[in-house]
Amino acid sequence: MGEMHPMGEMHPMEKENFIEEVYFMEEEHSVEKYRLLCKLVQKEQFGTEMTQQEKDVAVQSFLAARSQPDEILQYKKRMRVSPAEDCLYPDYYLPPYDGGRKLRLVQGYLPKTNLLYANHCEAEILRLLVRFAPEHASVKDMVRHTLERFRKTCFGNFCTQGECVAAGICVLRLLASVRPVDEAWIAKLLGPLGERFLAFGPGQAASQKGIPLSYLLMAFTDIDNETTKELLGQKKEWLVQLLRKGWITGRLSNGKISDGDTYNLLGKYIIRNAVCTLPEYPEKERYRIYVDDAEGRCYCDIPWK
């Protein structure tokens, strides 16, 4: 039946299948908070300079948007876990829902499970908080508690079932910012994820077996150690091919546009940032990413090496 989670019950992926209808509190500030998160993560990937004032405002906004204890309690009850014992779902930031629908992850992947969506939201907010306000007492306390929570989860120890795999990327991203010296924990997650990354290939540029490629590449870029360099080096030619290929950013000839296509430009930057951790491509600013207005497609002029 798959791996057991720490409470000894069914795997969280299987538990979610029993939840046919869940009612969420749709508060406008939650959606605004999430849009701010996505905007700031995109600025990071685009290499856009952020002022100290912008960082301070973000910290204030995220701290003010922290979910209330009763909201957390009700959410966990809806997820059919014991609030007093749960380690699978957030304790500080609940994800927003648009008419009951999940929004895309910060890099454009549309999550299928609440487990991935909720943990991604909390981990990404905490990652920015610790970047912008590392000495803030509340930030330090939330991060410490969340890492303790992640250690008790299946996905925090690398689970191979469903979107638990992608949830492990959330843990890696937070670890890279908060505890990069915890090499053993990083390696524990990075090893199996690296094996899956090496299985990517033509026709699998977006996701494979529950792993969104660009989200994994963001984690590789954050970690930037010998293991990630070796992994990226093995797939360098394929990644450069993806960069040079034109990806749709505008409307198709039939006038339609996929919501996912709007993230293609961001995806180019994410791939370029990862490739440019390799010694062959030391100056990422030299490799221009642009949109051909006539085609409505984005390209990168990175050379073969």
Foldseek 3Di string as FASTA:
>chain_A
DFDAALVRDDALVVLQVVQPDDDADADPLLVVLVVLLLVVVLCVLVVNDDDLVNLVVNLVSLVVQWDDQVNQVVVVVSSVDDPVPDLQADDTRAHHADVNAQDAQSLQHGDDDSSQRRLSSVLSSLLSNCVSPVPDPVSVVRLVVNLVSLVRTCLLQPGLDAQSLVSVLSVLSSCLRPPLVVVVSNCSSCVVVLVVLLVDDPPQQQHDSNHGVLSNLLSLLSNLDPVSLVSCVSCVVRLLVLQADWQACAADPVRDDDPSSVSVLSSSSSSLSSSCSHPVNVDSVVWDWDADVVRNTIHTNDDDD
